[in-house]
N, C-alpha and C. Protein backbone atom coordinates (compact mmCIF):
# COMPACT_ATOMS: atom_id res chain seq x y z
N MET A 1 -33.11 63.02 59.38
CA MET A 1 -34.43 63.64 59.11
C MET A 1 -35.40 62.61 59.04
N LYS A 2 -36.43 62.98 59.75
CA LYS A 2 -37.69 62.10 59.90
C LYS A 2 -38.54 62.32 58.71
N VAL A 3 -39.02 61.23 58.06
CA VAL A 3 -39.96 61.22 56.97
C VAL A 3 -41.41 60.98 57.46
N ASP A 4 -42.30 61.92 56.92
CA ASP A 4 -43.67 61.59 57.27
C ASP A 4 -44.17 60.27 56.70
N ILE A 5 -44.96 59.54 57.45
CA ILE A 5 -45.47 58.30 57.15
C ILE A 5 -46.26 58.29 55.73
N GLU A 6 -46.83 59.39 55.50
CA GLU A 6 -47.60 59.54 54.31
C GLU A 6 -46.63 59.79 53.05
N ASP A 7 -45.44 60.05 53.13
CA ASP A 7 -44.66 60.30 52.01
C ASP A 7 -44.58 59.01 51.14
N GLU A 8 -44.92 59.29 49.86
CA GLU A 8 -44.81 58.13 48.93
C GLU A 8 -43.56 57.27 48.91
N VAL A 9 -42.34 58.07 48.79
CA VAL A 9 -41.16 57.46 48.85
C VAL A 9 -40.96 56.59 49.94
N TYR A 10 -41.21 57.10 51.10
CA TYR A 10 -41.10 56.45 52.44
C TYR A 10 -41.92 55.16 52.40
N TYR A 11 -43.12 55.18 51.94
CA TYR A 11 -44.16 54.05 51.91
C TYR A 11 -43.44 53.02 50.95
N GLN A 12 -43.18 53.36 49.88
CA GLN A 12 -42.64 52.36 48.82
C GLN A 12 -41.31 51.76 49.42
N CYS A 13 -40.56 52.56 50.10
CA CYS A 13 -39.39 51.92 50.70
C CYS A 13 -39.68 51.11 51.86
N VAL A 14 -40.62 51.42 52.62
CA VAL A 14 -41.00 50.47 53.75
C VAL A 14 -41.56 49.25 53.19
N GLU A 15 -42.32 49.20 52.07
CA GLU A 15 -42.69 48.07 51.25
C GLU A 15 -41.49 47.10 50.92
N VAL A 16 -40.40 47.80 50.40
CA VAL A 16 -39.28 47.01 50.07
C VAL A 16 -38.61 46.49 51.21
N GLN A 17 -38.50 47.23 52.27
CA GLN A 17 -37.89 46.67 53.49
C GLN A 17 -38.82 45.54 54.00
N LYS A 18 -40.07 45.62 54.04
CA LYS A 18 -40.94 44.62 54.52
C LYS A 18 -40.81 43.29 53.69
N LYS A 19 -40.49 43.48 52.31
CA LYS A 19 -40.51 42.28 51.41
C LYS A 19 -39.14 41.67 51.68
N TYR A 20 -38.07 42.38 51.89
CA TYR A 20 -36.78 41.68 52.06
C TYR A 20 -36.39 41.36 53.53
N THR A 21 -36.95 41.95 54.45
CA THR A 21 -36.68 41.62 55.88
C THR A 21 -37.64 40.75 56.51
N GLY A 22 -38.97 40.85 56.04
CA GLY A 22 -40.06 40.10 56.69
C GLY A 22 -40.62 40.91 57.90
N LEU A 23 -40.06 42.06 58.15
CA LEU A 23 -40.59 42.81 59.30
C LEU A 23 -41.90 43.43 58.82
N THR A 24 -42.63 43.79 60.04
CA THR A 24 -43.89 44.49 59.80
C THR A 24 -43.62 45.81 59.57
N ILE A 25 -44.55 46.61 59.02
CA ILE A 25 -44.37 48.02 58.77
C ILE A 25 -44.14 48.86 60.14
N SER A 26 -44.92 48.42 61.08
CA SER A 26 -44.77 49.15 62.43
C SER A 26 -43.25 48.82 62.99
N ALA A 27 -42.81 47.57 62.83
CA ALA A 27 -41.29 47.29 63.21
C ALA A 27 -40.41 48.15 62.50
N ILE A 28 -40.54 48.37 61.23
CA ILE A 28 -39.64 49.03 60.30
C ILE A 28 -39.83 50.50 60.81
N THR A 29 -40.90 50.97 61.10
CA THR A 29 -41.15 52.40 61.57
C THR A 29 -40.36 52.61 62.88
N LYS A 30 -40.43 51.65 63.80
CA LYS A 30 -39.86 51.81 65.07
C LYS A 30 -38.38 51.71 64.99
N LEU A 31 -37.80 51.12 63.95
CA LEU A 31 -36.36 51.17 63.89
C LEU A 31 -35.75 52.56 63.50
N GLY A 32 -36.66 53.49 63.07
CA GLY A 32 -36.22 54.89 62.82
C GLY A 32 -35.95 55.08 61.38
N VAL A 33 -36.76 55.78 60.77
CA VAL A 33 -36.55 55.97 59.27
C VAL A 33 -35.42 56.93 59.04
N ASP A 34 -34.90 57.66 60.00
CA ASP A 34 -33.85 58.61 59.85
C ASP A 34 -32.47 57.82 59.50
N THR A 35 -32.48 56.71 59.81
CA THR A 35 -31.22 55.76 59.80
C THR A 35 -31.01 55.12 58.43
N ILE A 36 -31.99 55.18 57.49
CA ILE A 36 -31.91 54.43 56.37
C ILE A 36 -32.23 55.46 55.12
N ASP A 37 -31.40 55.24 54.18
CA ASP A 37 -31.55 56.06 52.91
C ASP A 37 -32.61 55.41 51.94
N PHE A 38 -33.79 55.78 52.16
CA PHE A 38 -34.89 55.07 51.47
C PHE A 38 -34.93 55.36 50.01
N LYS A 39 -34.53 56.57 49.59
CA LYS A 39 -34.48 56.89 48.16
C LYS A 39 -33.52 56.08 47.44
N ALA A 40 -32.30 55.77 48.02
CA ALA A 40 -31.28 54.96 47.43
C ALA A 40 -31.80 53.54 47.29
N GLN A 41 -32.46 53.11 48.33
CA GLN A 41 -33.04 51.69 48.48
C GLN A 41 -34.14 51.60 47.37
N LEU A 42 -34.98 52.59 47.19
CA LEU A 42 -36.14 52.57 46.20
C LEU A 42 -35.45 52.44 44.83
N LYS A 43 -34.41 53.34 44.54
CA LYS A 43 -33.79 53.37 43.28
C LYS A 43 -33.24 51.90 42.89
N ALA A 44 -32.42 51.33 43.89
CA ALA A 44 -31.89 50.13 43.65
C ALA A 44 -33.01 49.02 43.48
N TYR A 45 -33.90 48.96 44.30
CA TYR A 45 -35.14 48.09 43.88
C TYR A 45 -35.66 48.23 42.68
N LYS A 46 -36.04 49.45 42.21
CA LYS A 46 -36.62 49.73 40.93
C LYS A 46 -35.65 49.22 39.83
N GLU A 47 -34.37 49.50 39.92
CA GLU A 47 -33.45 48.98 38.93
C GLU A 47 -33.50 47.46 38.83
N GLY A 48 -33.41 46.82 39.99
CA GLY A 48 -33.34 45.36 40.02
C GLY A 48 -34.69 44.84 39.47
N GLU A 49 -35.86 45.49 39.66
CA GLU A 49 -37.11 45.02 39.00
C GLU A 49 -37.05 45.16 37.55
N GLU A 50 -36.47 46.18 37.14
CA GLU A 50 -36.34 46.46 35.71
C GLU A 50 -35.45 45.34 35.03
N ARG A 51 -34.48 44.98 35.66
CA ARG A 51 -33.54 43.97 35.16
C ARG A 51 -34.19 42.62 35.06
N ARG A 52 -35.00 42.31 36.18
CA ARG A 52 -35.75 41.03 36.14
C ARG A 52 -36.80 41.05 35.08
N LYS A 53 -37.53 42.14 34.96
CA LYS A 53 -38.53 42.19 33.89
C LYS A 53 -37.86 42.00 32.45
N GLN A 54 -36.78 42.62 32.24
CA GLN A 54 -36.20 42.54 30.92
C GLN A 54 -35.67 41.11 30.74
N LYS A 55 -35.03 40.40 31.72
CA LYS A 55 -34.61 39.09 31.56
C LYS A 55 -35.85 38.20 31.13
N SER A 56 -36.98 38.36 31.88
CA SER A 56 -38.22 37.69 31.71
C SER A 56 -38.71 37.86 30.27
N ILE A 57 -38.66 39.04 29.79
CA ILE A 57 -39.14 39.44 28.39
C ILE A 57 -38.22 38.83 27.48
N ASP A 58 -36.90 38.75 27.76
CA ASP A 58 -35.80 38.11 26.79
C ASP A 58 -36.06 36.73 26.70
N VAL A 59 -36.36 36.00 27.98
CA VAL A 59 -36.50 34.62 27.85
C VAL A 59 -37.74 34.13 27.04
N ARG A 60 -38.78 35.04 27.31
CA ARG A 60 -40.04 34.65 26.52
C ARG A 60 -39.72 34.91 24.93
N THR A 61 -39.17 35.99 24.61
CA THR A 61 -38.94 36.28 23.19
C THR A 61 -38.09 35.16 22.65
N GLY A 62 -37.10 34.72 23.28
CA GLY A 62 -36.10 33.62 22.79
C GLY A 62 -37.04 32.41 22.71
N TYR A 63 -37.84 32.07 23.65
CA TYR A 63 -38.78 30.87 23.52
C TYR A 63 -39.56 30.92 22.27
N ILE A 64 -40.23 32.12 22.13
CA ILE A 64 -41.08 32.32 20.98
C ILE A 64 -40.42 32.15 19.55
N PHE A 65 -39.28 32.83 19.62
CA PHE A 65 -38.37 32.76 18.38
C PHE A 65 -37.89 31.19 18.10
N GLU A 66 -37.66 30.60 19.10
CA GLU A 66 -37.18 29.15 18.97
C GLU A 66 -38.38 28.44 18.46
N GLU A 67 -39.48 28.62 18.92
CA GLU A 67 -40.76 27.84 18.41
C GLU A 67 -41.21 28.20 17.05
N LEU A 68 -41.05 29.47 16.66
CA LEU A 68 -41.81 29.94 15.41
C LEU A 68 -40.75 30.29 14.36
N SER A 69 -39.53 30.32 14.63
CA SER A 69 -38.59 30.93 13.56
C SER A 69 -38.55 29.95 12.30
N ILE A 70 -38.76 28.59 12.43
CA ILE A 70 -38.72 27.70 11.17
C ILE A 70 -39.90 28.02 10.29
N PHE A 71 -40.90 28.63 10.72
CA PHE A 71 -42.13 28.81 9.90
C PHE A 71 -42.10 30.29 9.17
N SER A 72 -41.13 31.10 9.43
CA SER A 72 -40.84 32.23 8.80
C SER A 72 -40.66 31.93 7.25
N PRO A 73 -41.36 32.90 6.40
CA PRO A 73 -41.23 32.78 4.95
C PRO A 73 -39.80 33.07 4.58
N TYR A 74 -38.92 33.54 5.40
CA TYR A 74 -37.55 33.89 5.06
C TYR A 74 -36.58 32.63 5.60
N SER A 75 -37.18 31.86 6.23
CA SER A 75 -36.35 30.64 6.72
C SER A 75 -35.76 29.91 5.65
N PRO A 76 -34.42 29.57 5.57
CA PRO A 76 -33.87 28.75 4.55
C PRO A 76 -34.20 27.14 4.68
N TYR A 77 -34.87 26.82 5.78
CA TYR A 77 -35.17 25.49 6.13
C TYR A 77 -36.57 25.26 6.03
N PRO A 78 -37.13 24.63 5.01
CA PRO A 78 -38.64 24.30 4.83
C PRO A 78 -39.24 23.55 6.03
N PRO A 79 -40.39 24.06 6.43
CA PRO A 79 -40.95 23.36 7.68
C PRO A 79 -41.28 21.85 7.43
N ASP A 80 -41.52 21.55 6.20
CA ASP A 80 -41.85 20.14 5.90
C ASP A 80 -40.60 19.23 5.82
N GLU A 81 -39.43 19.87 6.00
CA GLU A 81 -38.13 18.99 6.04
C GLU A 81 -37.48 19.39 7.33
N THR A 82 -38.04 19.95 8.29
CA THR A 82 -37.39 20.42 9.53
C THR A 82 -38.26 20.07 10.72
N PHE A 83 -37.59 19.30 11.65
CA PHE A 83 -38.39 18.85 12.73
C PHE A 83 -37.92 19.40 14.07
N ARG A 84 -38.81 19.73 15.03
CA ARG A 84 -38.33 20.25 16.27
C ARG A 84 -37.95 19.16 17.19
N ILE A 85 -36.87 19.33 17.89
CA ILE A 85 -36.36 18.33 18.76
C ILE A 85 -36.97 18.78 20.10
N VAL A 86 -37.87 17.86 20.70
CA VAL A 86 -38.54 18.17 21.94
C VAL A 86 -37.56 17.93 22.95
N SER A 87 -37.18 19.04 23.75
CA SER A 87 -36.21 19.10 24.88
C SER A 87 -36.44 20.24 25.65
N SER A 88 -35.56 20.33 26.76
CA SER A 88 -35.66 21.44 27.66
C SER A 88 -35.13 22.70 26.88
N PHE A 89 -35.68 23.82 27.45
CA PHE A 89 -35.20 25.16 26.87
C PHE A 89 -33.61 25.15 26.96
N ASP A 90 -32.98 25.80 25.97
CA ASP A 90 -31.48 25.88 26.00
C ASP A 90 -30.81 24.66 25.62
N ALA A 91 -31.41 23.68 24.94
CA ALA A 91 -30.85 22.53 24.49
C ALA A 91 -29.70 22.81 23.38
N PRO A 92 -28.70 21.93 23.20
CA PRO A 92 -27.70 22.42 22.30
C PRO A 92 -28.24 22.29 20.76
N VAL A 93 -29.29 21.61 20.49
CA VAL A 93 -29.84 21.62 19.18
C VAL A 93 -31.41 21.83 19.27
N ASP A 94 -31.96 22.67 18.54
CA ASP A 94 -33.38 22.83 18.54
C ASP A 94 -34.12 22.05 17.40
N TYR A 95 -33.53 22.12 16.26
CA TYR A 95 -34.27 21.42 15.18
C TYR A 95 -33.18 20.60 14.30
N ILE A 96 -33.80 19.57 13.65
CA ILE A 96 -33.03 18.77 12.72
C ILE A 96 -33.68 18.95 11.33
N SER A 97 -32.98 19.21 10.35
CA SER A 97 -33.43 19.53 9.07
C SER A 97 -32.94 18.50 8.12
N PHE A 98 -33.82 17.79 7.31
CA PHE A 98 -33.48 16.87 6.33
C PHE A 98 -33.51 17.44 4.86
N ARG A 99 -32.40 18.17 4.50
CA ARG A 99 -32.51 18.86 3.14
C ARG A 99 -32.84 17.82 1.98
N GLY A 100 -33.89 18.22 1.33
CA GLY A 100 -34.20 17.12 0.20
C GLY A 100 -35.27 16.05 0.48
N LEU A 101 -35.75 16.16 1.73
CA LEU A 101 -36.78 15.17 2.19
C LEU A 101 -38.08 15.31 1.48
N SER A 102 -38.47 16.57 1.16
CA SER A 102 -39.82 16.78 0.39
C SER A 102 -39.62 16.23 -0.97
N ASN A 103 -38.22 16.13 -1.52
CA ASN A 103 -38.21 15.43 -2.87
C ASN A 103 -37.90 14.02 -2.75
N LYS A 104 -37.97 13.47 -1.44
CA LYS A 104 -37.70 12.00 -1.33
C LYS A 104 -36.22 11.58 -1.73
N HIS A 105 -35.29 12.67 -1.52
CA HIS A 105 -33.99 12.44 -1.62
C HIS A 105 -33.13 13.34 -0.72
N ILE A 106 -32.80 12.70 0.52
CA ILE A 106 -32.05 13.48 1.47
C ILE A 106 -30.65 13.61 0.93
N GLU A 107 -30.36 15.02 0.89
CA GLU A 107 -28.99 15.32 0.43
C GLU A 107 -28.06 15.73 1.69
N GLU A 108 -28.68 16.26 2.72
CA GLU A 108 -27.92 16.77 3.81
C GLU A 108 -28.73 16.81 5.10
N LEU A 109 -27.99 16.52 6.19
CA LEU A 109 -28.70 16.50 7.55
C LEU A 109 -28.08 17.80 8.18
N ILE A 110 -29.01 18.70 8.66
CA ILE A 110 -28.58 19.87 9.37
C ILE A 110 -29.11 19.88 10.77
N LEU A 111 -28.16 20.19 11.72
CA LEU A 111 -28.58 20.41 13.11
C LEU A 111 -28.82 21.98 13.30
N LEU A 112 -29.86 22.17 13.69
CA LEU A 112 -30.23 23.78 13.86
C LEU A 112 -30.23 24.17 15.29
N ASP A 113 -29.74 25.28 15.57
CA ASP A 113 -29.80 25.92 16.86
C ASP A 113 -30.41 27.26 16.71
N THR A 114 -31.55 27.65 17.17
CA THR A 114 -32.03 28.97 17.03
C THR A 114 -31.44 29.86 18.14
N GLN A 115 -30.95 31.09 17.88
CA GLN A 115 -30.28 31.91 18.80
C GLN A 115 -30.50 33.28 18.56
N LEU A 116 -31.02 34.12 19.48
CA LEU A 116 -31.20 35.46 19.32
C LEU A 116 -29.83 36.19 19.20
N PRO A 117 -29.58 37.28 18.42
CA PRO A 117 -28.26 37.73 18.27
C PRO A 117 -27.49 38.24 19.40
N LYS A 118 -28.20 38.64 20.46
CA LYS A 118 -27.51 39.28 21.62
C LYS A 118 -26.90 38.10 22.72
N TYR A 119 -27.27 36.91 22.40
CA TYR A 119 -26.85 35.76 23.16
C TYR A 119 -25.65 35.12 22.57
N ILE A 120 -24.84 34.65 23.56
CA ILE A 120 -23.64 33.85 23.08
C ILE A 120 -24.01 32.32 23.31
N SER A 121 -23.54 31.55 22.37
CA SER A 121 -23.83 30.14 22.49
C SER A 121 -23.20 29.51 23.76
N GLY A 122 -23.88 28.57 24.32
CA GLY A 122 -23.37 27.94 25.50
C GLY A 122 -22.29 26.81 25.05
N ASP A 123 -21.58 26.24 26.04
CA ASP A 123 -20.50 25.48 25.80
C ASP A 123 -20.97 24.13 25.00
N SER A 124 -22.17 23.73 25.43
CA SER A 124 -22.72 22.51 24.81
C SER A 124 -22.95 22.72 23.27
N LYS A 125 -23.44 23.85 22.98
CA LYS A 125 -23.70 24.19 21.64
C LYS A 125 -22.50 24.14 20.78
N LYS A 126 -21.29 24.90 21.46
CA LYS A 126 -20.10 24.92 20.76
C LYS A 126 -19.44 23.53 20.54
N GLN A 127 -19.67 22.66 21.62
CA GLN A 127 -19.22 21.28 21.47
C GLN A 127 -19.90 20.58 20.39
N VAL A 128 -21.18 20.67 20.19
CA VAL A 128 -21.95 20.03 19.07
C VAL A 128 -21.35 20.59 17.77
N ARG A 129 -21.11 21.83 17.55
CA ARG A 129 -20.67 22.37 16.43
C ARG A 129 -19.23 21.70 16.08
N GLN A 130 -18.27 21.73 17.13
CA GLN A 130 -17.11 21.01 16.96
C GLN A 130 -17.21 19.53 16.53
N CYS A 131 -18.12 18.84 17.08
CA CYS A 131 -18.35 17.43 16.70
C CYS A 131 -18.56 17.28 15.25
N VAL A 132 -19.63 18.17 14.86
CA VAL A 132 -19.91 18.21 13.35
C VAL A 132 -18.71 18.53 12.47
N LYS A 133 -17.95 19.49 12.95
CA LYS A 133 -16.77 19.94 12.16
C LYS A 133 -15.71 18.67 12.17
N ASP A 134 -15.59 18.03 13.34
CA ASP A 134 -14.66 16.98 13.31
C ASP A 134 -15.12 15.64 12.72
N GLY A 135 -16.43 15.55 12.27
CA GLY A 135 -17.08 14.36 11.63
C GLY A 135 -17.42 13.34 12.74
N ALA A 136 -17.51 13.80 14.03
CA ALA A 136 -17.85 12.84 15.04
C ALA A 136 -19.37 12.84 15.20
N VAL A 137 -20.02 12.32 14.18
CA VAL A 137 -21.37 12.31 14.06
C VAL A 137 -21.68 10.93 13.60
N SER A 138 -22.76 10.26 14.19
CA SER A 138 -23.04 8.83 13.88
C SER A 138 -24.54 8.68 13.88
N PHE A 139 -25.03 7.54 13.37
CA PHE A 139 -26.46 7.27 13.33
C PHE A 139 -26.55 5.94 14.22
N ALA A 140 -27.75 5.86 14.98
CA ALA A 140 -27.81 4.79 15.82
C ALA A 140 -29.33 4.45 15.81
N LEU A 141 -29.60 3.15 16.00
CA LEU A 141 -31.06 2.60 15.93
C LEU A 141 -31.20 2.08 17.45
N LEU A 142 -32.31 2.49 18.05
CA LEU A 142 -32.71 2.15 19.43
C LEU A 142 -34.04 1.40 19.40
N ARG A 143 -34.00 0.08 19.69
CA ARG A 143 -35.25 -0.67 19.64
C ARG A 143 -35.72 -0.89 20.99
N PRO A 144 -37.10 -1.14 21.25
CA PRO A 144 -37.61 -1.45 22.53
C PRO A 144 -36.95 -2.58 23.28
N SER A 145 -36.49 -3.59 22.58
CA SER A 145 -35.73 -4.76 23.26
C SER A 145 -34.42 -4.19 23.71
N ASP A 146 -33.83 -3.13 23.12
CA ASP A 146 -32.49 -2.66 23.60
C ASP A 146 -32.65 -2.09 25.03
N VAL A 147 -33.90 -1.63 25.25
CA VAL A 147 -33.97 -0.94 26.58
C VAL A 147 -34.88 -1.71 27.49
N GLY A 148 -35.12 -3.02 27.18
CA GLY A 148 -35.73 -3.94 28.10
C GLY A 148 -37.20 -3.83 28.16
N LEU A 149 -37.83 -3.48 26.99
CA LEU A 149 -39.21 -3.43 26.82
C LEU A 149 -39.71 -4.52 25.85
N GLY A 150 -40.53 -5.39 26.42
CA GLY A 150 -41.15 -6.46 25.59
C GLY A 150 -40.36 -7.49 24.88
N LYS A 151 -41.01 -8.60 24.51
CA LYS A 151 -40.14 -9.59 23.89
C LYS A 151 -40.35 -9.33 22.41
N GLY A 152 -39.17 -9.53 21.62
CA GLY A 152 -39.16 -9.51 20.24
C GLY A 152 -39.57 -8.03 19.66
N GLY A 153 -39.25 -7.10 20.43
CA GLY A 153 -39.50 -5.81 20.09
C GLY A 153 -40.93 -5.35 20.28
N ARG A 154 -41.80 -6.11 20.83
CA ARG A 154 -43.25 -5.69 21.16
C ARG A 154 -43.30 -5.11 22.42
N ILE A 155 -44.15 -4.07 22.46
CA ILE A 155 -44.29 -3.35 23.82
C ILE A 155 -45.56 -3.79 24.38
C-alpha cells in the first residue's frame, strides 16, 4: 500500500530512514514506501529514543547524587570530615571520611561509594570492599622526589 508523502507517520519514518541510512528523502521515496513497515520502524525508533533519554537522565541523576549526597542533613558523614575524591565518574570510591576529624581525634577512616538503589556495584567497587574486609589497606606517603620532581623535595 502506498503512503501519501504528506502522511505524518510516513514523514517521520522517512526521517528515521534518512538518519540511519544516510539516503536523501527522494532516494528513500524512490525505493518504494510499500516495501517498508514504517509504523513498526517509527515505534522501534521512539522506544530507542526513550531508552536513551532515560539512560541520560539516570546518569545525570547519579552524578548529581554523587556530588551532593554528602551535604544532605540526613547524611551520617559530616561534610567537614568527608572529602570528595576527584576522579572519573564511576570510580570505586567517591569520598573518604575521617570520623572524628572535627574533634581533632580521628577514630575511623571510611571509604564511601555513593550509589543509587537501582544500580549494582561494579567489580572494582566490590574488590575495594573485599580489600577493606580482608585488612588489605595501607597508608603511603608520596613525595615530589619520589616521582622525579625537584631536588630535596622542592618543585
